[in-house]
Amino acid sequence: MCTAATYKTKDFYFGRTLDYEFSYNEEVTITPRNYKLKFRHGIEAKNNYAIIGMAFVVNDYPLYYDAINEKGLGMAGLNFVGNAVYSEVKSDTKNVAQYEFIPWILRQCESVKEARKVLSEMNLVGTQFSEQLPAASLHWIIADANEAITVESTESGLHVYDNPVGVLTNNPPFEQQMFQLNNYMHLSSKQPTNSFSDNLQLNSYSRGMGAIGMPGDLSSGSRFVRVAFTKMNSKSGETENESVSQFFHILGSVEQQRGCCEVDEGKYEITIYTSCCNATKGIYYYTTYENNQITAVDMHKENLKGESLVRYSLIQEQQIKMQN
């Protein structure tokens, strides 16, 4: 279970939580412009923009969970189990395997507008990376500083939805997620007024009562509502530090704590990492479950004309410093 969000101050930010019961030893990975990234069905991206994101690297191939490119476009894949259905390989079209979908878009698109055109010309297929790594059931959010879309491949075909809240979680399908926001139109960051009855003297006895009724459970539908409300009522910071901090607090509203979501006996889903990308500047920030200290990797401090992947292992442990 995961949650992705967008955020805009003077710069554009894009990130997600990855919630799962174990890690694949993912790394912050930069794919430079001249890295020869081969696509399974013989297609070639028209550009080779550099990418930075979180990836599980197998045989020098970056399997990206989320990433941004040097032009400021971001993309993330989130679990969509039970609803994701991919097409079969077809002739006379651009067949894109689901595991290479993120680099296929980010290597050649500068904006959501360009991504829409690429999406209209491709066929998303279920080709698996290897026998050990079958096709993951995913849907995706693609966003830039101006707009966001959700992409879902289901039994009825490939669907592209405008995403006006800039948020994505897991099931149910995106249209249902958006529709359920109608149930929460009464939520407010302001204190409520008495509309129960003119014949009763009712008063607010605590701060935050305007948000009574906001779901607090860990389900994907509830996380969608909670992050959408938190993000859309968030007050932007003026500095980079304030903006990054605020973004992590937005996604912090849906963090998974060990012990609260049991997926198997003795196994619990946790927020393995949280990312925040300054897509404008090309900086990838992250925290991990055991390390709340924000770590940053700046793609522009690397050779983006290079021919080899640049990989950073995650800093997993936080050092607690005593002040006395």
C-alpha atoms as a PDB file:
ATOM      1  CA  MET A   1       0.000   0.000   0.000  1.00  0.00           C
ATOM      2  CA  CYS A   2       1.430   3.373  -0.986  1.00  0.00           C
ATOM      3  CA  THR A   3       0.527   7.023  -1.354  1.00  0.00           C
ATOM      4  CA  ALA A   4       1.825   9.571  -3.879  1.00  0.00           C
ATOM      5  CA  ALA A   5       1.315  13.320  -3.925  1.00  0.00           C
ATOM      6  CA  THR A   6       2.286  16.530  -5.685  1.00  0.00           C
ATOM      7  CA  TYR A   7       2.963  19.896  -4.069  1.00  0.00           C
ATOM      8  CA  LYS A   8       3.801  23.326  -5.429  1.00  0.00           C
ATOM      9  CA  THR A   9       5.376  26.367  -3.823  1.00  0.00           C
ATOM     10  CA  LYS A  10       7.831  28.399  -5.868  1.00  0.00           C
ATOM     11  CA  ASP A  11       9.146  25.000  -7.024  1.00  0.00           C
ATOM     12  CA  PHE A  12       7.308  21.792  -7.914  1.00  0.00           C
ATOM     13  CA  TYR A  13       7.565  18.772  -5.614  1.00  0.00           C
ATOM     14  CA  PHE A  14       6.619  15.157  -6.256  1.00  0.00           C
ATOM     15  CA  GLY A  15       6.938  12.119  -4.024  1.00  0.00           C
ATOM     16  CA  ARG A  16       5.439   9.077  -2.389  1.00  0.00           C
ATOM     17  CA  THR A  17       5.487   6.607   0.467  1.00  0.00           C
ATOM     18  CA  LEU A  18       6.391   2.989  -0.233  1.00  0.00           C
ATOM     19  CA  ASP A  19       4.492   0.805   2.215  1.00  0.00           C
ATOM     20  CA  TYR A  20       5.323  -2.897   2.238  1.00  0.00           C
ATOM     21  CA  GLU A  21       6.385  -5.706   4.546  1.00  0.00           C
ATOM     22  CA  PHE A  22       9.920  -6.029   3.150  1.00  0.00           C
ATOM     23  CA  SER A  23      12.452  -4.143   1.059  1.00  0.00           C
ATOM     24  CA  TYR A  24      14.094  -5.076  -2.240  1.00  0.00           C
ATOM     25  CA  ASN A  25      17.222  -3.112  -1.277  1.00  0.00           C
ATOM     26  CA  GLU A  26      16.147  -0.224  -3.469  1.00  0.00           C
ATOM     27  CA  GLU A  27      18.574   2.622  -4.122  1.00  0.00           C
ATOM     28  CA  VAL A  28      18.441   6.222  -5.278  1.00  0.00           C
ATOM     29  CA  THR A  29      19.452   5.753  -8.900  1.00  0.00           C
ATOM     30  CA  ILE A  30      20.404   8.222 -11.620  1.00  0.00           C
ATOM     31  CA  THR A  31      20.082   7.125 -15.238  1.00  0.00           C
ATOM     32  CA  PRO A  32      22.202   9.601 -17.251  1.00  0.00           C
ATOM     33  CA  ARG A  33      21.412  10.633 -20.798  1.00  0.00           C
ATOM     34  CA  ASN A  34      23.877   8.311 -22.490  1.00  0.00           C
ATOM     35  CA  TYR A  35      23.079   5.187 -20.507  1.00  0.00           C
ATOM     36  CA  LYS A  36      21.933   2.532 -22.975  1.00  0.00           C
ATOM     37  CA  LEU A  37      18.547   1.600 -21.599  1.00  0.00           C
ATOM     38  CA  LYS A  38      17.110  -1.164 -23.759  1.00  0.00           C
ATOM     39  CA  PHE A  39      13.362  -1.628 -24.076  1.00  0.00           C
ATOM     40  CA  ARG A  40      12.095  -5.182 -24.336  1.00  0.00           C
ATOM     41  CA  HIS A  41      10.103  -4.965 -27.556  1.00  0.00           C
ATOM     42  CA  GLY A  42      12.609  -3.081 -29.684  1.00  0.00           C
ATOM     43  CA  ILE A  43      11.252   0.426 -29.232  1.00  0.00           C
ATOM     44  CA  GLU A  44      13.441   3.485 -28.702  1.00  0.00           C
ATOM     45  CA  ALA A  45      12.716   6.708 -26.833  1.00  0.00           C
ATOM     46  CA  LYS A  46      13.059   9.795 -29.027  1.00  0.00           C
ATOM     47  CA  ASN A  47      15.028  11.617 -26.319  1.00  0.00           C
ATOM     48  CA  ASN A  48      17.230  10.429 -23.486  1.00  0.00           C
ATOM     49  CA  TYR A  49      16.527  12.769 -20.599  1.00  0.00           C
ATOM     50  CA  ALA A  50      18.355  11.997 -17.370  1.00  0.00           C
ATOM     51  CA  ILE A  51      16.287  10.456 -14.565  1.00  0.00           C
ATOM     52  CA  ILE A  52      16.671  10.295 -10.793  1.00  0.00           C
ATOM     53  CA  GLY A  53      14.486   8.144  -8.582  1.00  0.00           C
ATOM     54  CA  MET A  54      14.145   5.129  -6.343  1.00  0.00           C
ATOM     55  CA  ALA A  55      14.855   1.854  -8.105  1.00  0.00           C
ATOM     56  CA  PHE A  56      15.555  -1.812  -7.563  1.00  0.00           C
ATOM     57  CA  VAL A  57      18.527  -2.398  -9.861  1.00  0.00           C
ATOM     58  CA  VAL A  58      18.766  -5.867 -11.433  1.00  0.00           C
ATOM     59  CA  ASN A  59      21.602  -6.686 -13.858  1.00  0.00           C
ATOM     60  CA  ASP A  60      22.219  -2.953 -14.354  1.00  0.00           C
ATOM     61  CA  TYR A  61      18.576  -2.338 -15.206  1.00  0.00           C
ATOM     62  CA  PRO A  62      16.799   0.202 -12.953  1.00  0.00           C
ATOM     63  CA  LEU A  63      13.291  -0.906 -12.018  1.00  0.00           C
ATOM     64  CA  TYR A  64      11.963   2.471 -10.920  1.00  0.00           C
ATOM     65  CA  TYR A  65       9.283   2.840  -8.245  1.00  0.00           C
ATOM     66  CA  ASP A  66       9.158   6.615  -8.625  1.00  0.00           C
ATOM     67  CA  ALA A  67      11.317   9.145 -10.444  1.00  0.00           C
ATOM     68  CA  ILE A  68      11.620  12.602 -11.951  1.00  0.00           C
ATOM     69  CA  ASN A  69      13.507  13.663 -15.045  1.00  0.00           C
ATOM     70  CA  GLU A  70      15.733  16.660 -15.652  1.00  0.00           C
ATOM     71  CA  LYS A  71      12.832  18.535 -17.265  1.00  0.00           C
ATOM     72  CA  GLY A  72      10.671  18.466 -14.126  1.00  0.00           C
ATOM     73  CA  LEU A  73       8.266  15.619 -14.973  1.00  0.00           C
ATOM     74  CA  GLY A  74       7.536  13.063 -12.232  1.00  0.00           C
ATOM     75  CA  MET A  75       6.010   9.587 -12.278  1.00  0.00           C
ATOM     76  CA  ALA A  76       5.275   6.874  -9.701  1.00  0.00           C
ATOM     77  CA  GLY A  77       3.735   3.400  -9.821  1.00  0.00           C
ATOM     78  CA  LEU A  78       1.493   2.190  -6.981  1.00  0.00           C
ATOM     79  CA  ASN A  79      -0.045  -1.211  -6.292  1.00  0.00           C
ATOM     80  CA  PHE A  80      -3.361  -1.795  -8.059  1.00  0.00           C
ATOM     81  CA  VAL A  81      -3.878  -5.475  -7.304  1.00  0.00           C
ATOM     82  CA  GLY A  82      -7.072  -7.044  -8.608  1.00  0.00           C
ATOM     83  CA  ASN A  83      -7.772  -4.271 -11.092  1.00  0.00           C
ATOM     84  CA  ALA A  84      -4.636  -3.975 -13.242  1.00  0.00           C
ATOM     85  CA  VAL A  85      -4.961  -5.863 -16.531  1.00  0.00           C
ATOM     86  CA  TYR A  86      -2.343  -5.405 -19.238  1.00  0.00           C
ATOM     87  CA  SER A  87      -2.675  -5.859 -22.977  1.00  0.00           C
ATOM     88  CA  GLU A  88      -1.113  -8.567 -25.117  1.00  0.00           C
ATOM     89  CA  VAL A  89       1.783  -7.687 -27.409  1.00  0.00           C
ATOM     90  CA  LYS A  90       0.505  -6.373 -30.741  1.00  0.00           C
ATOM     91  CA  SER A  91       2.208  -5.801 -34.060  1.00  0.00           C
ATOM     92  CA  ASP A  92       2.504  -2.353 -35.669  1.00  0.00           C
ATOM     93  CA  THR A  93       2.460  -0.490 -32.333  1.00  0.00           C
ATOM     94  CA  LYS A  94       4.843   0.527 -29.552  1.00  0.00           C
ATOM     95  CA  ASN A  95       4.633  -2.233 -26.968  1.00  0.00           C
ATOM     96  CA  VAL A  96       5.804  -1.061 -23.547  1.00  0.00           C
ATOM     97  CA  ALA A  97       6.261  -3.552 -20.694  1.00  0.00           C
ATOM     98  CA  GLN A  98       4.836  -2.359 -17.387  1.00  0.00           C
ATOM     99  CA  TYR A  99       8.260  -2.516 -15.671  1.00  0.00           C
ATOM    100  CA  GLU A 100       9.739  -0.093 -18.227  1.00  0.00           C
ATOM    101  CA  PHE A 101       6.775   2.279 -18.301  1.00  0.00           C
ATOM    102  CA  ILE A 102       8.367   4.907 -16.034  1.00  0.00           C
ATOM    103  CA  PRO A 103      11.617   5.263 -18.044  1.00  0.00           C
ATOM    104  CA  TRP A 104       9.647   5.083 -21.302  1.00  0.00           C
ATOM    105  CA  ILE A 105       7.753   8.232 -20.292  1.00  0.00           C
ATOM    106  CA  LEU A 106      10.490  10.087 -18.444  1.00  0.00           C
ATOM    107  CA  ARG A 107      13.231   9.488 -21.001  1.00  0.00           C
ATOM    108  CA  GLN A 108      11.302  11.359 -23.687  1.00  0.00           C
ATOM    109  CA  CYS A 109       8.620  13.640 -22.192  1.00  0.00           C
ATOM    110  CA  GLU A 110       9.089  17.127 -20.768  1.00  0.00           C
ATOM    111  CA  SER A 111       5.507  17.586 -19.605  1.00  0.00           C
ATOM    112  CA  VAL A 112       2.200  15.873 -18.925  1.00  0.00           C
ATOM    113  CA  LYS A 113       1.000  17.250 -22.261  1.00  0.00           C
ATOM    114  CA  GLU A 114       3.762  15.365 -24.059  1.00  0.00           C
ATOM    115  CA  ALA A 115       3.101  12.267 -21.946  1.00  0.00           C
ATOM    116  CA  ARG A 116      -0.535  12.254 -23.052  1.00  0.00           C
ATOM    117  CA  LYS A 117       0.573  12.061 -26.682  1.00  0.00           C
ATOM    118  CA  VAL A 118       3.032   9.231 -25.977  1.00  0.00           C
ATOM    119  CA  LEU A 119       0.311   7.355 -24.091  1.00  0.00           C
ATOM    120  CA  SER A 120      -2.018   7.580 -27.074  1.00  0.00           C
ATOM    121  CA  GLU A 121       0.582   5.892 -29.290  1.00  0.00           C
ATOM    122  CA  MET A 122       1.622   2.968 -27.046  1.00  0.00           C
ATOM    123  CA  ASN A 123       0.380  -0.430 -25.891  1.00  0.00           C
ATOM    124  CA  LEU A 124       1.032  -1.270 -22.222  1.00  0.00           C
ATOM    125  CA  VAL A 125       1.775  -4.995 -21.965  1.00  0.00           C
ATOM    126  CA  GLY A 126       2.298  -7.503 -19.171  1.00  0.00           C
ATOM    127  CA  THR A 127       5.701  -8.763 -20.265  1.00  0.00           C
ATOM    128  CA  GLN A 128       7.539  -9.711 -17.077  1.00  0.00           C
ATOM    129  CA  PHE A 129      11.103  -8.692 -16.349  1.00  0.00           C
ATOM    130  CA  SER A 130      12.172 -12.255 -15.532  1.00  0.00           C
ATOM    131  CA  GLU A 131      10.779 -15.519 -14.213  1.00  0.00           C
ATOM    132  CA  GLN A 132      11.653 -14.367 -10.697  1.00  0.00           C
ATOM    133  CA  LEU A 133      10.043 -10.932 -11.199  1.00  0.00           C
ATOM    134  CA  PRO A 134       6.538 -11.241 -12.670  1.00  0.00           C
ATOM    135  CA  ALA A 135       4.574  -8.230 -13.859  1.00  0.00           C
ATOM    136  CA  ALA A 136       3.480  -6.059 -10.933  1.00  0.00           C
ATOM    137  CA  SER A 137      -0.140  -4.909 -10.747  1.00  0.00           C
ATOM    138  CA  LEU A 138       0.194  -1.123 -10.796  1.00  0.00           C
ATOM    139  CA  HIS A 139      -1.391   2.151 -11.760  1.00  0.00           C
ATOM    140  CA  TRP A 140       0.545   5.414 -12.126  1.00  0.00           C
ATOM    141  CA  ILE A 141       0.505   9.124 -11.437  1.00  0.00           C
ATOM    142  CA  ILE A 142       2.315  11.433 -13.886  1.00  0.00           C
ATOM    143  CA  ALA A 143       2.701  15.096 -12.959  1.00  0.00           C
ATOM    144  CA  ASP A 144       4.471  18.354 -13.725  1.00  0.00           C
ATOM    145  CA  ALA A 145       4.189  21.823 -12.219  1.00  0.00           C
ATOM    146  CA  ASN A 146       0.925  22.483 -14.063  1.00  0.00           C
ATOM    147  CA  GLU A 147      -1.126  19.283 -14.012  1.00  0.00           C
ATOM    148  CA  ALA A 148      -1.353  15.643 -12.997  1.00  0.00           C
ATOM    149  CA  ILE A 149      -2.920  12.562 -14.551  1.00  0.00           C
ATOM    150  CA  THR A 150      -3.608   8.995 -13.421  1.00  0.00           C
ATOM    151  CA  VAL A 151      -2.998   6.091 -15.805  1.00  0.00           C
ATOM    152  CA  GLU A 152      -4.807   2.779 -15.295  1.00  0.00           C
ATOM    153  CA  SER A 153      -4.738  -0.318 -17.472  1.00  0.00           C
ATOM    154  CA  THR A 154      -7.809  -2.422 -16.702  1.00  0.00           C
ATOM    155  CA  GLU A 155      -9.930  -5.049 -18.378  1.00  0.00           C
ATOM    156  CA  SER A 156     -11.653  -2.305 -20.377  1.00  0.00           C
ATOM    157  CA  GLY A 157      -8.388  -0.831 -21.694  1.00  0.00           C
ATOM    158  CA  LEU A 158      -5.896   1.933 -20.962  1.00  0.00           C
ATOM    159  CA  HIS A 159      -7.452   4.923 -19.221  1.00  0.00           C
ATOM    160  CA  VAL A 160      -5.988   8.363 -18.610  1.00  0.00           C
ATOM    161  CA  TYR A 161      -7.729  10.517 -16.011  1.00  0.00           C
ATOM    162  CA  ASP A 162      -7.204  14.137 -15.064  1.00  0.00           C
ATOM    163  CA  ASN A 163      -6.068  14.194 -11.431  1.00  0.00           C
ATOM    164  CA  PRO A 164      -7.074  17.578  -9.977  1.00  0.00           C
ATOM    165  CA  VAL A 165      -6.010  16.685  -6.402  1.00  0.00           C
ATOM    166  CA  GLY A 166      -2.550  15.440  -7.406  1.00  0.00           C
ATOM    167  CA  VAL A 167      -2.856  12.396  -5.131  1.00  0.00           C
ATOM    168  CA  LEU A 168      -2.887   8.647  -5.764  1.00  0.00           C
ATOM    169  CA  THR A 169      -3.125   5.635  -3.469  1.00  0.00           C
ATOM    170  CA  ASN A 170      -4.165   2.081  -4.398  1.00  0.00           C
ATOM    171  CA  ASN A 171      -7.612   0.534  -4.828  1.00  0.00           C
ATOM    172  CA  PRO A 172     -10.367   1.212  -5.720  1.00  0.00           C
ATOM    173  CA  PRO A 173      -9.949   2.638  -9.252  1.00  0.00           C
ATOM    174  CA  PHE A 174      -9.220   6.346  -9.479  1.00  0.00           C
ATOM    175  CA  GLU A 175     -12.702   7.456 -10.570  1.00  0.00           C
ATOM    176  CA  GLN A 176     -14.157   5.840  -7.438  1.00  0.00           C
ATOM    177  CA  GLN A 177     -11.482   7.451  -5.272  1.00  0.00           C
ATOM    178  CA  MET A 178     -12.396  10.857  -6.626  1.00  0.00           C
ATOM    179  CA  PHE A 179     -16.125  10.237  -6.265  1.00  0.00           C
ATOM    180  CA  GLN A 180     -15.828   9.356  -2.581  1.00  0.00           C
ATOM    181  CA  LEU A 181     -14.511  12.860  -1.863  1.00  0.00           C
ATOM    182  CA  ASN A 182     -18.153  13.937  -2.188  1.00  0.00           C
ATOM    183  CA  ASN A 183     -18.731  12.197   1.152  1.00  0.00           C
ATOM    184  CA  TYR A 184     -16.280  14.575   2.828  1.00  0.00           C
ATOM    185  CA  MET A 185     -17.198  17.968   1.376  1.00  0.00           C
ATOM    186  CA  HIS A 186     -18.063  19.126   4.904  1.00  0.00           C
ATOM    187  CA  LEU A 187     -14.459  18.778   6.131  1.00  0.00           C
ATOM    188  CA  SER A 188     -12.771  22.069   6.917  1.00  0.00           C
ATOM    189  CA  SER A 189      -9.641  23.443   8.508  1.00  0.00           C
ATOM    190  CA  LYS A 190     -11.881  25.998  10.227  1.00  0.00           C
ATOM    191  CA  GLN A 191     -13.935  25.458  13.364  1.00  0.00           C
ATOM    192  CA  PRO A 192     -17.506  24.239  12.671  1.00  0.00           C
ATOM    193  CA  THR A 193     -20.656  26.227  13.336  1.00  0.00           C
ATOM    194  CA  ASN A 194     -23.815  24.713  14.775  1.00  0.00           C
ATOM    195  CA  SER A 195     -26.072  23.542  11.956  1.00  0.00           C
ATOM    196  CA  PHE A 196     -27.467  20.599  13.964  1.00  0.00           C
ATOM    197  CA  SER A 197     -30.416  22.521  15.405  1.00  0.00           C
ATOM    198  CA  ASP A 198     -31.348  26.085  16.244  1.00  0.00           C
ATOM    199  CA  ASN A 199     -32.919  24.754  19.433  1.00  0.00           C
ATOM    200  CA  LEU A 200     -29.655  23.418  20.879  1.00  0.00           C
ATOM    201  CA  GLN A 201     -26.669  25.320  22.203  1.00  0.00           C
ATOM    202  CA  LEU A 202     -23.748  23.387  20.725  1.00  0.00           C
ATOM    203  CA  ASN A 203     -20.165  24.632  20.891  1.00  0.00           C
ATOM    204  CA  SER A 204     -16.757  23.637  19.630  1.00  0.00           C
ATOM    205  CA  TYR A 205     -14.803  22.339  22.617  1.00  0.00           C
ATOM    206  CA  SER A 206     -11.522  21.546  20.843  1.00  0.00           C
ATOM    207  CA  ARG A 207      -9.422  22.778  17.996  1.00  0.00           C
ATOM    208  CA  GLY A 208      -9.594  20.760  14.767  1.00  0.00           C
ATOM    209  CA  MET A 209     -13.278  19.852  14.997  1.00  0.00           C
ATOM    210  CA  GLY A 210     -13.853  21.007  11.435  1.00  0.00           C
ATOM    211  CA  ALA A 211     -12.160  17.797  10.306  1.00  0.00           C
ATOM    212  CA  ILE A 212     -14.328  15.448  12.380  1.00  0.00           C
ATOM    213  CA  GLY A 213     -15.318  12.574  10.108  1.00  0.00           C
ATOM    214  CA  MET A 214     -12.049  12.434   8.189  1.00  0.00           C
ATOM    215  CA  PRO A 215     -11.131   8.736   7.984  1.00  0.00           C
ATOM    216  CA  GLY A 216      -8.174   7.700  10.104  1.00  0.00           C
ATOM    217  CA  ASP A 217      -7.753   4.036   9.181  1.00  0.00           C
ATOM    218  CA  LEU A 218      -4.944   2.636   7.020  1.00  0.00           C
ATOM    219  CA  SER A 219      -6.973   1.565   3.975  1.00  0.00           C
ATOM    220  CA  SER A 220      -6.055   3.052   0.618  1.00  0.00           C
ATOM    221  CA  GLY A 221      -9.433   4.765   0.214  1.00  0.00           C
ATOM    222  CA  SER A 222      -9.055   6.479   3.569  1.00  0.00           C
ATOM    223  CA  ARG A 223      -5.455   7.464   2.875  1.00  0.00           C
ATOM    224  CA  PHE A 224      -6.576   9.071  -0.389  1.00  0.00           C
ATOM    225  CA  VAL A 225      -9.060  11.275   1.464  1.00  0.00           C
ATOM    226  CA  ARG A 226      -6.638  12.147   4.259  1.00  0.00           C
ATOM    227  CA  VAL A 227      -3.731  13.165   2.018  1.00  0.00           C
ATOM    228  CA  ALA A 228      -6.018  15.050  -0.369  1.00  0.00           C
ATOM    229  CA  PHE A 229      -7.425  17.065   2.562  1.00  0.00           C
ATOM    230  CA  THR A 230      -4.013  17.607   4.158  1.00  0.00           C
ATOM    231  CA  LYS A 231      -2.371  18.656   0.902  1.00  0.00           C
ATOM    232  CA  MET A 232      -5.166  20.930  -0.327  1.00  0.00           C
ATOM    233  CA  ASN A 233      -5.353  22.740   3.009  1.00  0.00           C
ATOM    234  CA  SER A 234      -1.587  22.955   3.433  1.00  0.00           C
ATOM    235  CA  LYS A 235       0.019  26.381   3.657  1.00  0.00           C
ATOM    236  CA  SER A 236       3.123  26.598   1.502  1.00  0.00           C
ATOM    237  CA  GLY A 237       6.536  27.440   2.828  1.00  0.00           C
ATOM    238  CA  GLU A 238       8.747  30.173   1.428  1.00  0.00           C
ATOM    239  CA  THR A 239      12.120  28.443   1.571  1.00  0.00           C
ATOM    240  CA  GLU A 240      13.360  25.116   0.246  1.00  0.00           C
ATOM    241  CA  ASN A 241      13.670  23.725   3.767  1.00  0.00           C
ATOM    242  CA  GLU A 242      10.130  24.801   4.656  1.00  0.00           C
ATOM    243  CA  SER A 243       8.695  23.356   1.432  1.00  0.00           C
ATOM    244  CA  VAL A 244      10.474  20.022   1.804  1.00  0.00           C
ATOM    245  CA  SER A 245       9.539  19.792   5.479  1.00  0.00           C
ATOM    246  CA  GLN A 246       5.900  20.530   4.697  1.00  0.00           C
ATOM    247  CA  PHE A 247       5.812  17.878   1.976  1.00  0.00           C
ATOM    248  CA  PHE A 248       7.133  15.220   4.357  1.00  0.00           C
ATOM    249  CA  HIS A 249       4.497  16.272   6.899  1.00  0.00           C
ATOM    250  CA  ILE A 250       1.767  15.886   4.260  1.00  0.00           C
ATOM    251  CA  LEU A 251       2.809  12.308   3.528  1.00  0.00           C
ATOM    252  CA  GLY A 252       3.453  11.777   7.231  1.00  0.00           C
ATOM    253  CA  SER A 253      -0.321  11.868   7.713  1.00  0.00           C
ATOM    254  CA  VAL A 254      -0.499   8.367   6.161  1.00  0.00           C
ATOM    255  CA  GLU A 255       2.691   6.708   7.416  1.00  0.00           C
ATOM    256  CA  GLN A 256       2.360   3.023   8.315  1.00  0.00           C
ATOM    257  CA  GLN A 257       3.741   1.991  11.711  1.00  0.00           C
ATOM    258  CA  ARG A 258       5.014  -1.514  12.371  1.00  0.00           C
ATOM    259  CA  GLY A 259       2.350  -3.581  14.096  1.00  0.00           C
ATOM    260  CA  CYS A 260      -0.760  -1.755  12.844  1.00  0.00           C
ATOM    261  CA  CYS A 261      -1.199  -3.527   9.484  1.00  0.00           C
ATOM    262  CA  GLU A 262      -0.561  -7.275   9.636  1.00  0.00           C
ATOM    263  CA  VAL A 263      -0.184  -8.883   6.202  1.00  0.00           C
ATOM    264  CA  ASP A 264       0.834 -12.323   7.443  1.00  0.00           C
ATOM    265  CA  GLU A 265       1.494 -13.862  10.823  1.00  0.00           C
ATOM    266  CA  GLY A 266       4.289 -11.829  12.346  1.00  0.00           C
ATOM    267  CA  LYS A 267       4.738  -9.699   9.209  1.00  0.00           C
ATOM    268  CA  TYR A 268       3.646  -6.061   9.157  1.00  0.00           C
ATOM    269  CA  GLU A 269       3.448  -3.412   6.490  1.00  0.00           C
ATOM    270  CA  ILE A 270       5.532  -0.323   7.235  1.00  0.00           C
ATOM    271  CA  THR A 271       6.514   2.817   5.383  1.00  0.00           C
ATOM    272  CA  ILE A 272       9.847   1.601   4.039  1.00  0.00           C
ATOM    273  CA  TYR A 273      10.710   5.008   2.607  1.00  0.00           C
ATOM    274  CA  THR A 274       9.168   8.381   1.868  1.00  0.00           C
ATOM    275  CA  SER A 275      10.423  10.473  -1.041  1.00  0.00           C
ATOM    276  CA  CYS A 276      10.141  14.150  -1.884  1.00  0.00           C
ATOM    277  CA  CYS A 277      11.571  15.300  -5.202  1.00  0.00           C
ATOM    278  CA  ASN A 278      12.173  18.923  -6.018  1.00  0.00           C
ATOM    279  CA  ALA A 279      11.389  18.341  -9.680  1.00  0.00           C
ATOM    280  CA  THR A 280      12.318  21.911 -10.546  1.00  0.00           C
ATOM    281  CA  LYS A 281      15.872  21.552  -9.239  1.00  0.00           C
ATOM    282  CA  GLY A 282      16.377  17.797  -9.713  1.00  0.00           C
ATOM    283  CA  ILE A 283      16.917  16.972  -6.025  1.00  0.00           C
ATOM    284  CA  TYR A 284      15.691  13.677  -4.565  1.00  0.00           C
ATOM    285  CA  TYR A 285      15.017  13.785  -0.808  1.00  0.00           C
ATOM    286  CA  TYR A 286      14.107  10.715   1.222  1.00  0.00           C
ATOM    287  CA  THR A 287      13.634   9.269   4.689  1.00  0.00           C
ATOM    288  CA  THR A 288      13.418   5.610   5.742  1.00  0.00           C
ATOM    289  CA  TYR A 289      11.503   3.826   8.469  1.00  0.00           C
ATOM    290  CA  GLU A 290      14.490   3.749  10.817  1.00  0.00           C
ATOM    291  CA  ASN A 291      15.908   7.112   9.760  1.00  0.00           C
ATOM    292  CA  ASN A 292      13.777  10.253   9.887  1.00  0.00           C
ATOM    293  CA  GLN A 293      16.748  12.434   8.989  1.00  0.00           C
ATOM    294  CA  ILE A 294      16.135  13.813   5.485  1.00  0.00           C
ATOM    295  CA  THR A 295      18.836  12.815   2.985  1.00  0.00           C
ATOM    296  CA  ALA A 296      19.238  14.501  -0.406  1.00  0.00           C
ATOM    297  CA  VAL A 297      20.793  13.539  -3.740  1.00  0.00           C
ATOM    298  CA  ASP A 298      21.201  16.269  -6.378  1.00  0.00           C
ATOM    299  CA  MET A 299      21.197  14.824  -9.900  1.00  0.00           C
ATOM    300  CA  HIS A 300      22.926  17.930 -11.266  1.00  0.00           C
ATOM    301  CA  LYS A 301      26.009  17.238  -9.145  1.00  0.00           C
ATOM    302  CA  GLU A 302      26.550  14.110 -11.224  1.00  0.00           C
ATOM    303  CA  ASN A 303      27.615  13.832 -14.862  1.00  0.00           C
ATOM    304  CA  LEU A 304      24.267  13.698 -16.624  1.00  0.00           C
ATOM    305  CA  LYS A 305      26.055  13.004 -19.909  1.00  0.00           C
ATOM    306  CA  GLY A 306      27.519   9.809 -18.457  1.00  0.00           C
ATOM    307  CA  GLU A 307      27.123   6.246 -19.675  1.00  0.00           C
ATOM    308  CA  SER A 308      26.801   4.415 -16.342  1.00  0.00           C
ATOM    309  CA  LEU A 309      24.147   4.294 -13.648  1.00  0.00           C
ATOM    310  CA  VAL A 310      24.861   6.307 -10.504  1.00  0.00           C
ATOM    311  CA  ARG A 311      23.607   4.503  -7.398  1.00  0.00           C
ATOM    312  CA  TYR A 312      23.271   5.572  -3.765  1.00  0.00           C
ATOM    313  CA  SER A 313      22.478   3.025  -1.061  1.00  0.00           C
ATOM    314  CA  LEU A 314      19.886   4.290   1.398  1.00  0.00           C
ATOM    315  CA  ILE A 315      21.002   5.538   4.781  1.00  0.00           C
ATOM    316  CA  GLN A 316      18.902   3.275   6.971  1.00  0.00           C
ATOM    317  CA  GLU A 317      19.959   4.102  10.530  1.00  0.00           C
ATOM    318  CA  GLN A 318      19.589   7.384  12.359  1.00  0.00           C
ATOM    319  CA  GLN A 319      22.087   8.515  14.928  1.00  0.00           C
ATOM    320  CA  ILE A 320      20.397   9.946  17.992  1.00  0.00           C
ATOM    321  CA  LYS A 321      22.388  12.812  19.462  1.00  0.00           C
ATOM    322  CA  MET A 322      22.214  13.761  23.129  1.00  0.00           C
ATOM    323  CA  GLN A 323      22.183  17.489  23.890  1.00  0.00           C
ATOM    324  CA  ASN A 324      23.540  17.162  27.423  1.00  0.00           C
END
